[in-house]
Structure formats: C-alpha cells, structure tokens
Amino acid sequence: MKSFYVGVKGIILNDDKVLLLQRSKSERQDRFWDAPGGRMQDTESFEEALTRELAEEIGNIKGITVTDLLHVYRLPKDVEHEHGLILVFFRVHATISDVILSEEHDAYRWVSRDELASFFDTEALYINDGVKQAVQLALNQI
C-alpha cells in the first residue's frame, strides 16, 4: 500500500500578481519555481500548516488568511522512500512588506496574468503542472 505526504501551498495575490519562489541550489529540485508552503505535520490543520510554512519561508508576512481551495495535485513521482506527495493549493490573503527568503529559496518573483504565459514558457522545465494550474485558477478568478 502506497503512503502519501500532504503538502499545503499558498497562492498569494498582490496587485493582481502571484508570488512564486525559486528553490535554492542546496535543495532537492533546485531552480524549481513553486508556490510557498510545505508538508503538513501530524496534528496540524491545513490552515495551521500553511500559516506556519508561510511564516518560515517568506518573513515579513502578516495578516495571513487562508481562503478558497484552488486545486489538488498529485506529484507524478515519489518524493522519498516510496512515498508520494499530494499538494493542496489554497488562495491566501496576506500583507507582505518585503519578501525575506528562507534558506530553502534563492529568488522570488511576482508574476502578473500578462506575464504568465511567457514565464511558463521560459521556465517550462522548472515548474510543475500543479503550480501552473493553481496559479492560472487564482489569476482567472480576479
């Protein structure tokens, strides 16, 4: 029987742009663009896990409100010792005065709806379908 980790991801919109983070060179899947978030711990709710992960990964984030479920995506490969990963994407409202990245990320980018197609084409090898679909859903709902 296959086991799965559950990851929660926040699609944060600010001025009709979505925040994406690029994994650092020291991380597995370096260079990959991702929505901020991470794996849930045993007793956490979706909201608790996402709030914790956003605070760890972004810094200077305040007023976090987890709202709509946007998308659920199963990674097509195992992430660790025959464990799969299910990613659950939520729309998040928050105030970010300045993005301060954790050691897990090297860069960030606010991507607008107008830039989205070009960004996805340029970074096609470095962004998974789950992130693409969640971002498109979020930007199409504004």
Protein backbone atom coordinates (compact mmCIF):
# COMPACT_ATOMS: atom_id res chain seq x y z
CA MET A 1 0.00 0.00 0.00
CA LYS A 2 1.37 3.39 -1.04
CA SER A 3 1.70 6.20 1.50
CA PHE A 4 1.44 9.90 0.74
CA TYR A 5 2.64 13.08 2.38
CA VAL A 6 0.33 16.07 2.16
CA GLY A 7 1.77 19.45 1.23
CA VAL A 8 -0.09 22.74 1.51
CA LYS A 9 0.67 25.62 -0.84
CA GLY A 10 -0.43 29.24 -0.74
CA ILE A 11 -1.27 31.22 -3.84
CA ILE A 12 -0.70 34.77 -2.62
CA LEU A 13 -2.02 37.59 -4.79
CA ASN A 14 -0.88 41.19 -4.51
CA ASP A 15 -1.87 43.85 -7.07
CA ASP A 16 -3.06 41.11 -9.45
CA LYS A 17 0.31 39.33 -9.28
CA VAL A 18 1.09 35.95 -7.74
CA LEU A 19 4.17 35.22 -5.63
CA LEU A 20 6.43 32.36 -6.76
CA LEU A 21 9.61 31.21 -5.02
CA GLN A 22 12.61 29.54 -6.63
CA ARG A 23 14.20 26.66 -4.72
CA SER A 24 17.80 27.16 -3.67
CA LYS A 25 20.71 25.28 -5.16
CA SER A 26 21.09 23.34 -1.90
CA GLU A 27 17.55 21.94 -2.09
CA ARG A 28 16.27 18.92 -3.93
CA GLN A 29 14.71 20.10 -7.21
CA ASP A 30 16.85 23.23 -7.25
CA ARG A 31 15.85 26.02 -9.64
CA PHE A 32 12.21 24.90 -9.50
CA TRP A 33 9.61 27.63 -9.11
CA ASP A 34 6.97 26.88 -6.53
CA ALA A 35 4.19 28.41 -4.50
CA PRO A 36 5.20 28.94 -0.87
CA GLY A 37 4.24 26.17 1.53
CA GLY A 38 5.32 22.73 2.65
CA ARG A 39 4.37 19.46 4.26
CA MET A 40 1.80 19.16 6.99
CA GLN A 41 2.84 17.88 10.39
CA ASP A 42 0.86 15.16 12.18
CA THR A 43 -1.69 17.18 14.14
CA GLU A 44 -1.93 20.34 12.02
CA SER A 45 -4.97 21.54 10.13
CA PHE A 46 -4.49 22.80 6.57
CA GLU A 47 -4.66 26.39 7.81
CA GLU A 48 -2.20 25.83 10.67
CA ALA A 49 0.32 24.10 8.40
CA LEU A 50 0.09 26.74 5.70
CA THR A 51 0.35 29.62 8.17
CA ARG A 52 3.46 28.03 9.73
CA GLU A 53 5.08 27.34 6.36
CA LEU A 54 4.41 30.84 5.01
CA ALA A 55 5.95 32.42 8.11
CA GLU A 56 9.02 30.15 7.75
CA GLU A 57 9.51 30.74 4.02
CA ILE A 58 8.64 34.39 3.46
CA GLY A 59 9.38 36.53 6.52
CA ASN A 60 7.65 39.88 6.97
CA ILE A 61 4.30 38.26 6.21
CA LYS A 62 1.36 39.36 8.33
CA GLY A 63 -2.41 39.01 8.42
CA ILE A 64 -2.45 35.56 6.83
CA THR A 65 -5.94 34.41 5.90
CA VAL A 66 -6.34 31.06 4.15
CA THR A 67 -9.43 31.14 1.95
CA ASP A 68 -10.53 29.14 -1.11
CA LEU A 69 -9.32 25.69 -2.04
CA LEU A 70 -8.00 26.18 -5.57
CA HIS A 71 -6.52 22.89 -6.71
CA VAL A 72 -5.26 19.47 -5.63
CA TYR A 73 -2.35 17.85 -7.46
CA ARG A 74 -0.54 14.53 -7.07
CA LEU A 75 3.13 14.64 -8.00
CA PRO A 76 3.78 12.04 -10.69
CA LYS A 77 6.81 10.58 -8.90
CA ASP A 78 7.72 9.52 -5.38
CA VAL A 79 9.39 12.13 -3.22
CA GLU A 80 11.01 9.90 -0.64
CA HIS A 81 11.24 6.16 0.15
CA GLU A 82 8.22 5.18 -1.94
CA HIS A 83 6.10 7.99 -0.52
CA GLY A 84 4.08 10.12 -2.88
CA LEU A 85 3.06 13.74 -2.37
CA ILE A 86 -0.35 15.33 -2.67
CA LEU A 87 -0.28 19.12 -2.95
CA VAL A 88 -3.30 21.13 -1.81
CA PHE A 89 -3.36 24.73 -3.08
CA PHE A 90 -5.26 27.50 -1.30
CA ARG A 91 -5.82 31.16 -2.06
CA VAL A 92 -4.16 33.23 0.67
CA HIS A 93 -4.63 36.86 1.60
CA ALA A 94 -1.67 38.38 3.43
CA THR A 95 0.33 41.55 3.82
CA ILE A 96 3.95 41.28 2.72
CA SER A 97 6.02 44.42 3.18
CA ASP A 98 9.20 42.83 1.86
CA VAL A 99 9.89 39.23 0.88
CA ILE A 100 12.68 37.80 3.03
CA LEU A 101 13.50 34.31 1.79
CA SER A 102 14.44 31.34 3.93
CA GLU A 103 17.48 29.21 3.08
CA GLU A 104 15.17 26.96 1.03
CA HIS A 105 14.85 29.58 -1.72
CA ASP A 106 17.22 31.72 -3.78
CA ALA A 107 14.78 34.01 -5.57
CA TYR A 108 11.21 35.18 -5.78
CA ARG A 109 9.07 36.77 -8.41
CA TRP A 110 5.67 38.44 -8.54
CA VAL A 111 4.12 37.27 -11.83
CA SER A 112 1.15 39.05 -13.41
CA ARG A 113 -1.51 37.46 -15.58
CA ASP A 114 0.02 39.22 -18.61
CA GLU A 115 3.47 37.75 -17.87
CA LEU A 116 2.20 34.27 -17.03
CA ALA A 117 2.35 32.58 -20.45
CA SER A 118 5.83 33.92 -21.17
CA PHE A 119 7.06 32.96 -17.68
CA PHE A 120 5.67 29.43 -18.00
CA ASP A 121 7.29 29.03 -21.44
CA THR A 122 10.68 30.32 -20.27
CA GLU A 123 10.65 28.23 -17.07
CA ALA A 124 8.85 25.17 -18.50
CA LEU A 125 11.47 22.72 -17.20
CA TYR A 126 11.37 24.27 -13.73
CA ILE A 127 7.70 24.48 -12.76
CA ASN A 128 5.30 21.59 -12.24
CA ASP A 129 1.82 21.30 -13.65
CA GLY A 130 0.18 21.58 -10.25
CA VAL A 131 1.69 25.00 -9.60
CA LYS A 132 0.80 26.15 -13.13
CA GLN A 133 -2.81 25.08 -12.78
CA ALA A 134 -3.26 26.61 -9.31
CA VAL A 135 -1.74 29.95 -10.40
CA GLN A 136 -3.90 30.08 -13.53
CA LEU A 137 -7.03 29.34 -11.49
CA ALA A 138 -6.19 32.07 -8.96
CA LEU A 139 -5.42 34.71 -11.60
CA ASN A 140 -8.52 33.85 -13.64
CA GLN A 141 -10.74 34.40 -10.59
CA ILE A 142 -9.70 38.03 -10.07
